[in-house]
Amino acid sequence: MKGHILYVVISLSVVFITFGLLIGQIPWVGLAASIIGFSLAEFTRQRKRNRGESEAGSNDKRTANHLNQFSVIVMMVSFRMIL
């Protein structure tokens, strides 16, 4: 994905400029912060990949079970708050 960063930067620019036109003022600081933040995250991800570290850590069954329980609890709380 050589153009991945370019597509994200263009998408962020379009979203921020469209949002800015709707509210009457373009949030340049937010646009710059999001582009810089994405670039740093992509840079660190690329460095990890070059070092040979895996992006997704290996999860055992216990961790997967805890994640499932947490998601069920969050869904129950959010549905109860809605109702």
N, C-alpha and C. Protein backbone atom coordinates (compact mmCIF):
# COMPACT_ATOMS: atom_id res chain seq x y z
N MET A 1 0.84 -1.20 0.00
CA MET A 1 0.00 0.00 0.00
C MET A 1 0.88 1.25 0.00
N LYS A 2 1.42 1.57 -1.14
CA LYS A 2 2.29 2.73 -1.20
C LYS A 2 1.51 4.03 -1.07
N GLY A 3 0.31 4.09 -1.59
CA GLY A 3 -0.46 5.32 -1.55
C GLY A 3 -1.40 5.42 -0.36
N HIS A 4 -1.26 4.54 0.60
CA HIS A 4 -2.16 4.52 1.75
C HIS A 4 -2.13 5.83 2.52
N ILE A 5 -0.95 6.34 2.77
CA ILE A 5 -0.83 7.59 3.53
C ILE A 5 -1.41 8.74 2.73
N LEU A 6 -1.16 8.75 1.44
CA LEU A 6 -1.68 9.82 0.59
C LEU A 6 -3.20 9.83 0.58
N TYR A 7 -3.82 8.66 0.47
CA TYR A 7 -5.29 8.59 0.47
C TYR A 7 -5.88 9.07 1.79
N VAL A 8 -5.26 8.71 2.89
CA VAL A 8 -5.77 9.13 4.19
C VAL A 8 -5.63 10.64 4.37
N VAL A 9 -4.51 11.20 3.95
CA VAL A 9 -4.31 12.65 4.06
C VAL A 9 -5.32 13.39 3.19
N ILE A 10 -5.56 12.91 1.99
CA ILE A 10 -6.55 13.55 1.11
C ILE A 10 -7.94 13.43 1.73
N SER A 11 -8.27 12.26 2.26
CA SER A 11 -9.59 12.07 2.88
C SER A 11 -9.78 12.98 4.09
N LEU A 12 -8.75 13.08 4.93
CA LEU A 12 -8.84 13.98 6.09
C LEU A 12 -9.03 15.42 5.65
N SER A 13 -8.31 15.82 4.62
CA SER A 13 -8.44 17.20 4.13
C SER A 13 -9.85 17.47 3.62
N VAL A 14 -10.40 16.55 2.85
CA VAL A 14 -11.74 16.73 2.32
C VAL A 14 -12.77 16.80 3.44
N VAL A 15 -12.64 15.93 4.43
CA VAL A 15 -13.60 15.92 5.54
C VAL A 15 -13.51 17.21 6.35
N PHE A 16 -12.30 17.64 6.67
CA PHE A 16 -12.16 18.86 7.47
C PHE A 16 -12.61 20.10 6.71
N ILE A 17 -12.31 20.18 5.42
CA ILE A 17 -12.73 21.34 4.65
C ILE A 17 -14.24 21.35 4.47
N THR A 18 -14.85 20.19 4.25
CA THR A 18 -16.31 20.12 4.14
C THR A 18 -16.96 20.51 5.46
N PHE A 19 -16.44 19.99 6.56
CA PHE A 19 -16.95 20.35 7.88
C PHE A 19 -16.78 21.84 8.13
N GLY A 20 -15.64 22.38 7.72
CA GLY A 20 -15.39 23.80 7.89
C GLY A 20 -16.34 24.67 7.08
N LEU A 21 -16.67 24.22 5.90
CA LEU A 21 -17.62 24.99 5.09
C LEU A 21 -19.02 24.96 5.71
N LEU A 22 -19.35 23.87 6.37
CA LEU A 22 -20.66 23.78 7.02
C LEU A 22 -20.75 24.70 8.24
N ILE A 23 -19.67 24.82 8.99
CA ILE A 23 -19.73 25.65 10.19
C ILE A 23 -19.23 27.07 9.95
N GLY A 24 -18.65 27.33 8.78
CA GLY A 24 -18.23 28.68 8.44
C GLY A 24 -16.78 29.00 8.71
N GLN A 25 -16.04 28.08 9.31
CA GLN A 25 -14.63 28.32 9.58
C GLN A 25 -13.91 26.98 9.52
N ILE A 26 -12.86 26.90 8.74
CA ILE A 26 -12.13 25.65 8.56
C ILE A 26 -11.20 25.44 9.75
N PRO A 27 -11.32 24.29 10.43
CA PRO A 27 -10.47 24.03 11.61
C PRO A 27 -9.08 23.55 11.19
N TRP A 28 -8.20 24.49 10.87
CA TRP A 28 -6.86 24.16 10.39
C TRP A 28 -6.03 23.43 11.44
N VAL A 29 -6.20 23.80 12.69
CA VAL A 29 -5.42 23.15 13.75
C VAL A 29 -5.82 21.67 13.86
N GLY A 30 -7.10 21.38 13.78
CA GLY A 30 -7.56 20.00 13.84
C GLY A 30 -7.08 19.19 12.66
N LEU A 31 -7.08 19.82 11.47
CA LEU A 31 -6.59 19.13 10.28
C LEU A 31 -5.11 18.81 10.41
N ALA A 32 -4.33 19.78 10.85
CA ALA A 32 -2.89 19.57 11.00
C ALA A 32 -2.60 18.52 12.07
N ALA A 33 -3.33 18.58 13.20
CA ALA A 33 -3.11 17.62 14.28
C ALA A 33 -3.47 16.20 13.84
N SER A 34 -4.55 16.04 13.09
CA SER A 34 -4.94 14.70 12.66
C SER A 34 -3.96 14.14 11.64
N ILE A 35 -3.46 14.98 10.73
CA ILE A 35 -2.49 14.50 9.75
C ILE A 35 -1.17 14.13 10.43
N ILE A 36 -0.72 14.95 11.36
CA ILE A 36 0.52 14.64 12.08
C ILE A 36 0.35 13.38 12.92
N GLY A 37 -0.78 13.25 13.61
CA GLY A 37 -1.03 12.06 14.42
C GLY A 37 -1.08 10.80 13.59
N PHE A 38 -1.76 10.85 12.44
CA PHE A 38 -1.82 9.68 11.58
C PHE A 38 -0.44 9.33 11.03
N SER A 39 0.31 10.35 10.65
CA SER A 39 1.64 10.10 10.10
C SER A 39 2.56 9.44 11.14
N LEU A 40 2.50 9.92 12.37
CA LEU A 40 3.32 9.31 13.42
C LEU A 40 2.90 7.87 13.70
N ALA A 41 1.59 7.61 13.72
CA ALA A 41 1.11 6.25 13.95
C ALA A 41 1.54 5.32 12.82
N GLU A 42 1.44 5.81 11.60
CA GLU A 42 1.85 4.99 10.45
C GLU A 42 3.35 4.75 10.46
N PHE A 43 4.13 5.76 10.86
CA PHE A 43 5.58 5.61 10.92
C PHE A 43 5.98 4.56 11.96
N THR A 44 5.36 4.60 13.15
CA THR A 44 5.70 3.60 14.17
C THR A 44 5.24 2.21 13.77
N ARG A 45 4.10 2.12 13.09
CA ARG A 45 3.63 0.81 12.62
C ARG A 45 4.59 0.24 11.59
N GLN A 46 5.09 1.09 10.70
CA GLN A 46 6.03 0.65 9.68
C GLN A 46 7.35 0.20 10.32
N ARG A 47 7.81 0.92 11.35
CA ARG A 47 9.06 0.53 12.02
C ARG A 47 8.90 -0.81 12.73
N LYS A 48 7.74 -1.04 13.35
CA LYS A 48 7.51 -2.33 14.01
C LYS A 48 7.50 -3.46 12.99
N ARG A 49 6.87 -3.21 11.84
CA ARG A 49 6.80 -4.24 10.81
C ARG A 49 8.20 -4.55 10.29
N ASN A 50 9.06 -3.54 10.14
CA ASN A 50 10.42 -3.75 9.66
C ASN A 50 11.27 -4.51 10.68
N ARG A 51 10.98 -4.34 11.96
CA ARG A 51 11.72 -5.05 13.01
C ARG A 51 11.27 -6.49 13.15
N GLY A 52 10.13 -6.82 12.59
CA GLY A 52 9.65 -8.19 12.67
C GLY A 52 8.64 -8.44 13.77
N GLU A 53 8.22 -7.39 14.45
CA GLU A 53 7.21 -7.56 15.49
C GLU A 53 5.85 -7.74 14.84
N SER A 54 5.03 -8.58 15.44
CA SER A 54 3.70 -8.79 14.89
C SER A 54 2.78 -7.65 15.29
N GLU A 55 1.86 -7.28 14.38
CA GLU A 55 0.95 -6.18 14.68
C GLU A 55 -0.12 -6.60 15.68
N ALA A 56 -0.66 -7.77 15.48
CA ALA A 56 -1.69 -8.27 16.38
C ALA A 56 -1.06 -9.30 17.30
N GLY A 57 -1.10 -9.04 18.58
CA GLY A 57 -0.53 -9.97 19.54
C GLY A 57 -1.34 -11.26 19.59
N SER A 58 -0.69 -12.30 19.98
CA SER A 58 -1.40 -13.57 20.05
C SER A 58 -2.28 -13.58 21.30
N ASN A 59 -3.53 -13.89 21.11
CA ASN A 59 -4.49 -13.95 22.21
C ASN A 59 -4.77 -15.41 22.53
N ASP A 60 -4.74 -15.72 23.80
CA ASP A 60 -5.13 -17.06 24.19
C ASP A 60 -6.63 -17.07 24.44
N LYS A 61 -7.17 -18.22 24.78
CA LYS A 61 -8.61 -18.36 24.96
C LYS A 61 -9.11 -17.53 26.14
N ARG A 62 -8.30 -17.40 27.16
CA ARG A 62 -8.71 -16.64 28.34
C ARG A 62 -8.88 -15.16 27.99
N THR A 63 -7.96 -14.61 27.24
CA THR A 63 -8.05 -13.22 26.82
C THR A 63 -9.26 -13.00 25.92
N ALA A 64 -9.49 -13.91 24.99
CA ALA A 64 -10.65 -13.81 24.12
C ALA A 64 -11.94 -13.87 24.92
N ASN A 65 -11.98 -14.71 25.95
CA ASN A 65 -13.16 -14.81 26.80
C ASN A 65 -13.40 -13.51 27.55
N HIS A 66 -12.34 -12.90 28.08
CA HIS A 66 -12.48 -11.63 28.79
C HIS A 66 -12.97 -10.52 27.85
N LEU A 67 -12.46 -10.51 26.63
CA LEU A 67 -12.91 -9.51 25.66
C LEU A 67 -14.38 -9.69 25.32
N ASN A 68 -14.81 -10.92 25.17
CA ASN A 68 -16.23 -11.18 24.89
C ASN A 68 -17.11 -10.76 26.06
N GLN A 69 -16.70 -11.07 27.28
CA GLN A 69 -17.47 -10.66 28.45
C GLN A 69 -17.55 -9.15 28.56
N PHE A 70 -16.45 -8.46 28.31
CA PHE A 70 -16.44 -7.01 28.37
C PHE A 70 -17.38 -6.40 27.33
N SER A 71 -17.35 -6.93 26.11
CA SER A 71 -18.23 -6.39 25.07
C SER A 71 -19.70 -6.64 25.39
N VAL A 72 -20.02 -7.77 25.98
CA VAL A 72 -21.40 -8.05 26.36
C VAL A 72 -21.85 -7.09 27.47
N ILE A 73 -21.00 -6.84 28.44
CA ILE A 73 -21.35 -5.93 29.53
C ILE A 73 -21.55 -4.51 29.00
N VAL A 74 -20.67 -4.07 28.11
CA VAL A 74 -20.81 -2.73 27.54
C VAL A 74 -22.10 -2.60 26.74
N MET A 75 -22.43 -3.61 25.96
CA MET A 75 -23.68 -3.59 25.19
C MET A 75 -24.90 -3.56 26.11
N MET A 76 -24.87 -4.36 27.19
CA MET A 76 -26.00 -4.37 28.11
C MET A 76 -26.18 -3.02 28.78
N VAL A 77 -25.09 -2.41 29.21
CA VAL A 77 -25.18 -1.10 29.87
C VAL A 77 -25.68 -0.05 28.89
N SER A 78 -25.20 -0.06 27.66
CA SER A 78 -25.64 0.94 26.69
C SER A 78 -27.11 0.75 26.33
N PHE A 79 -27.57 -0.47 26.18
CA PHE A 79 -28.98 -0.70 25.87
C PHE A 79 -29.88 -0.29 27.04
N ARG A 80 -29.44 -0.53 28.25
CA ARG A 80 -30.23 -0.13 29.40
C ARG A 80 -30.29 1.38 29.52
N MET A 81 -29.20 2.06 29.17
CA MET A 81 -29.20 3.52 29.21
C MET A 81 -30.14 4.09 28.15
N ILE A 82 -30.20 3.45 26.99
CA ILE A 82 -31.10 3.90 25.94
C ILE A 82 -32.55 3.72 26.34
N LEU A 83 -32.84 2.58 26.93
CA LEU A 83 -34.23 2.31 27.32
C LEU A 83 -34.58 3.04 28.59
